[in-house]
Amino acid sequence: MEKELLLECQRNNRNAQRKLYEKMAGKLYAVCRRYLKNDEDIEEALADTFYKIFTKLGQLQNPDIFEAWAKKIAVNECLQKLRSQKTLHISLEEEFAGASDTETDIISFEKDILKLLNFLPEGCRAIFNLFAIEGYPHKEIASMLSISEGTSKSQLNFARKKLQELLGNHNI
C-alpha cells in the first residue's frame, strides 16, 4: 500500500480515503463474505471495518503490513457481528439443508467452495475460515471465540468432513 496514501488518510483527506476504499473494498468484502451470509450484515461489517481503519490508522506502526492489518480488522468485525447475533454457537448437532442444483452452476471452483461454506453452521464456518483460510492456530482461535482448543480442532474436523460430503454430493 502506498505510504503517502495512508498518510493522507490519517490526515482525514476524503479523496485519499475514497481511493483507499476503492482499492480495498473488494478484498475486504470477500473476507466478510466468507463469514457472513446476509448481504446487509456483510455491508454493515464492511462499513464498520472501514470506520475502524480510518479511525485507528494512526496506530499502525508499519505501513507495509496495512493489508494484513485491514484484513484482521474485517475478520474481527465479522466475528463481532456473529457474536452480537448470538449465532456463533458451536454445535455438532446442527442440521442444514443440501445445496440446490442452481448453486452448483457457478463458474469457478473457488465460488463453489465459498458457497458450500454457507451450509456449515455459523461457528463451524468461522473456525474453518480462521484456521484454513486466515491461518490462525487453534490456540488463538480458541482465545478469540472463548472455546477450548479441543473444540476448535473438533469443529475444524467436522467442517472438513461436511465440506467433503458436500463436494461429493455435488460432483464439484
Protein backbone atom coordinates (compact mmCIF):
# COMPACT_ATOMS: atom_id res chain seq x y z
CA MET A 1 0.00 0.00 0.00
CA GLU A 2 1.27 3.48 -0.80
CA LYS A 3 2.63 5.12 2.33
CA GLU A 4 1.62 8.57 1.08
CA LEU A 5 -2.00 7.44 0.57
CA LEU A 6 -2.12 6.07 4.13
CA LEU A 7 -0.60 9.29 5.48
CA GLU A 8 -3.23 11.36 3.67
CA CYS A 9 -5.96 9.11 5.07
CA GLN A 10 -4.58 9.74 8.56
CA ARG A 11 -4.97 13.46 7.86
CA ASN A 12 -8.66 12.83 7.07
CA ASN A 13 -8.22 13.67 3.39
CA ARG A 14 -11.57 12.48 1.97
CA ASN A 15 -10.19 11.91 -1.53
CA ALA A 16 -7.42 9.70 -0.14
CA GLN A 17 -9.95 7.81 1.98
CA ARG A 18 -12.12 7.26 -1.10
CA LYS A 19 -9.10 5.94 -3.05
CA LEU A 20 -8.18 3.61 -0.20
CA TYR A 21 -11.78 2.40 -0.01
CA GLU A 22 -11.83 1.73 -3.76
CA LYS A 23 -8.54 -0.20 -3.53
CA MET A 24 -9.52 -2.34 -0.57
CA ALA A 25 -13.31 -2.71 -0.66
CA GLY A 26 -13.34 -5.77 -2.93
CA LYS A 27 -10.74 -7.66 -0.89
CA LEU A 28 -12.37 -6.87 2.42
CA TYR A 29 -15.84 -7.63 1.07
CA ALA A 30 -14.58 -11.10 0.11
CA VAL A 31 -13.28 -11.62 3.65
CA CYS A 32 -16.64 -10.61 5.13
CA ARG A 33 -18.49 -12.83 2.66
CA ARG A 34 -16.65 -15.87 3.98
CA TYR A 35 -18.02 -15.29 7.48
CA LEU A 36 -21.47 -13.80 6.92
CA LYS A 37 -24.37 -14.94 4.74
CA ASN A 38 -26.67 -11.94 4.69
CA ASP A 39 -25.74 -9.09 2.31
CA GLU A 40 -26.87 -6.48 4.83
CA ASP A 41 -24.64 -7.99 7.51
CA ILE A 42 -21.72 -8.08 5.08
CA GLU A 43 -22.22 -4.42 4.15
CA GLU A 44 -22.50 -3.44 7.81
CA ALA A 45 -19.34 -5.35 8.74
CA LEU A 46 -17.53 -3.76 5.80
CA ALA A 47 -18.65 -0.27 6.84
CA ASP A 48 -17.56 -0.93 10.42
CA THR A 49 -14.24 -2.24 9.12
CA PHE A 50 -13.54 0.95 7.17
CA TYR A 51 -14.63 3.09 10.11
CA LYS A 52 -12.07 1.32 12.29
CA ILE A 53 -9.41 1.52 9.60
CA PHE A 54 -9.85 5.28 9.24
CA THR A 55 -10.07 5.97 12.97
CA LYS A 56 -7.22 3.64 14.02
CA LEU A 57 -4.83 4.19 11.11
CA GLY A 58 -2.56 6.27 13.34
CA GLN A 59 -1.91 3.17 15.46
CA LEU A 60 -0.46 1.24 12.52
CA GLN A 61 3.30 1.17 13.09
CA ASN A 62 4.35 -0.39 9.79
CA PRO A 63 2.51 0.70 6.61
CA ASP A 64 3.93 -2.34 4.79
CA ILE A 65 1.54 -4.60 6.69
CA PHE A 66 -1.54 -2.45 6.07
CA GLU A 67 -3.43 -5.05 4.03
CA ALA A 68 -2.95 -7.79 6.63
CA TRP A 69 -3.92 -5.33 9.37
CA ALA A 70 -7.09 -4.31 7.49
CA LYS A 71 -7.98 -7.94 6.83
CA LYS A 72 -7.65 -8.73 10.53
CA ILE A 73 -9.97 -5.84 11.36
CA ALA A 74 -12.52 -7.23 8.86
CA VAL A 75 -12.31 -10.71 10.42
CA ASN A 76 -12.78 -9.28 13.91
CA GLU A 77 -15.76 -7.19 12.76
CA CYS A 78 -17.39 -10.30 11.28
CA LEU A 79 -16.80 -12.30 14.45
CA GLN A 80 -18.23 -9.42 16.49
CA LYS A 81 -21.29 -9.38 14.22
CA LEU A 82 -21.76 -13.13 14.70
CA ARG A 83 -21.38 -12.77 18.48
CA SER A 84 -23.91 -9.94 18.60
CA GLN A 85 -26.41 -12.04 16.68
CA LYS A 86 -25.75 -14.90 19.09
CA THR A 87 -25.30 -17.21 16.10
CA LEU A 88 -21.73 -18.15 16.91
CA HIS A 89 -22.76 -21.24 18.81
CA ILE A 90 -20.72 -24.36 18.32
CA SER A 91 -22.92 -27.35 17.71
CA LEU A 92 -22.25 -30.67 16.05
CA GLU A 93 -25.95 -31.46 16.04
CA GLU A 94 -26.95 -28.51 13.87
CA GLU A 95 -28.59 -29.68 10.70
CA PHE A 96 -28.52 -27.96 7.36
CA ALA A 97 -30.19 -28.47 4.01
CA GLY A 98 -28.34 -29.67 0.94
CA ALA A 99 -27.40 -27.31 -1.86
CA SER A 100 -29.82 -26.75 -4.70
CA ASP A 101 -28.87 -27.58 -8.29
CA THR A 102 -28.62 -23.91 -9.23
CA GLU A 103 -25.99 -23.31 -6.57
CA THR A 104 -23.64 -25.74 -8.28
CA ASP A 105 -23.99 -23.98 -11.65
CA ILE A 106 -21.39 -21.33 -10.99
CA ILE A 107 -18.25 -20.61 -12.95
CA SER A 108 -15.27 -21.07 -10.65
CA PHE A 109 -14.27 -23.73 -8.16
CA GLU A 110 -13.48 -21.07 -5.55
CA LYS A 111 -17.02 -19.71 -5.74
CA ASP A 112 -18.34 -23.25 -5.32
CA ILE A 113 -16.30 -23.74 -2.16
CA LEU A 114 -17.35 -20.36 -0.76
CA LYS A 115 -20.99 -21.17 -1.44
CA LEU A 116 -20.61 -24.53 0.27
CA LEU A 117 -19.19 -22.79 3.33
CA ASN A 118 -22.62 -21.19 3.74
CA PHE A 119 -24.04 -24.64 4.50
CA LEU A 120 -21.85 -25.06 7.56
CA PRO A 121 -23.15 -23.96 10.95
CA GLU A 122 -22.03 -20.39 11.80
CA GLY A 123 -19.49 -21.29 14.47
CA CYS A 124 -18.11 -24.18 12.46
CA ARG A 125 -17.74 -21.95 9.39
CA ALA A 126 -15.99 -19.28 11.44
CA ILE A 127 -13.45 -21.81 12.75
CA PHE A 128 -12.85 -23.21 9.28
CA ASN A 129 -12.26 -19.69 7.92
CA LEU A 130 -9.97 -18.70 10.78
CA PHE A 131 -7.86 -21.84 10.51
CA ALA A 132 -7.88 -22.90 6.85
CA ILE A 133 -8.17 -19.53 5.15
CA GLU A 134 -6.82 -16.94 7.59
CA GLY A 135 -4.13 -19.22 9.03
CA TYR A 136 -4.78 -18.72 12.75
CA PRO A 137 -3.57 -21.51 15.08
CA HIS A 138 -6.11 -23.38 17.21
CA LYS A 139 -4.85 -21.73 20.40
CA GLU A 140 -5.58 -18.24 19.03
CA ILE A 141 -8.94 -19.31 17.60
CA ALA A 142 -9.90 -20.74 20.98
CA SER A 143 -8.99 -17.46 22.63
CA MET A 144 -10.86 -15.36 20.06
CA LEU A 145 -14.05 -17.42 20.36
CA SER A 146 -13.84 -18.26 24.07
CA ILE A 147 -13.79 -22.01 23.43
CA SER A 148 -11.26 -24.75 24.13
CA GLU A 149 -8.55 -25.74 21.67
CA GLY A 150 -10.14 -29.17 21.51
CA THR A 151 -13.46 -27.66 20.46
CA SER A 152 -11.68 -25.66 17.76
CA LYS A 153 -9.99 -28.80 16.46
CA SER A 154 -13.14 -30.91 16.53
CA GLN A 155 -15.16 -28.21 14.76
CA LEU A 156 -12.48 -27.91 12.06
CA ASN A 157 -12.62 -31.67 11.58
CA PHE A 158 -16.42 -31.52 11.43
CA ALA A 159 -16.23 -28.71 8.83
CA ARG A 160 -13.77 -30.64 6.68
CA LYS A 161 -15.93 -33.76 6.73
CA LYS A 162 -19.09 -31.81 5.87
CA LEU A 163 -17.33 -29.96 3.04
CA GLN A 164 -16.01 -33.26 1.65
CA GLU A 165 -19.53 -34.67 1.86
CA LEU A 166 -20.99 -31.62 0.11
CA LEU A 167 -18.29 -31.71 -2.56
CA GLY A 168 -19.01 -35.39 -3.16
CA ASN A 169 -22.77 -34.83 -3.33
CA HIS A 170 -22.47 -32.07 -5.89
CA ASN A 171 -19.72 -33.51 -8.10
CA ILE A 172 -17.63 -30.38 -7.87
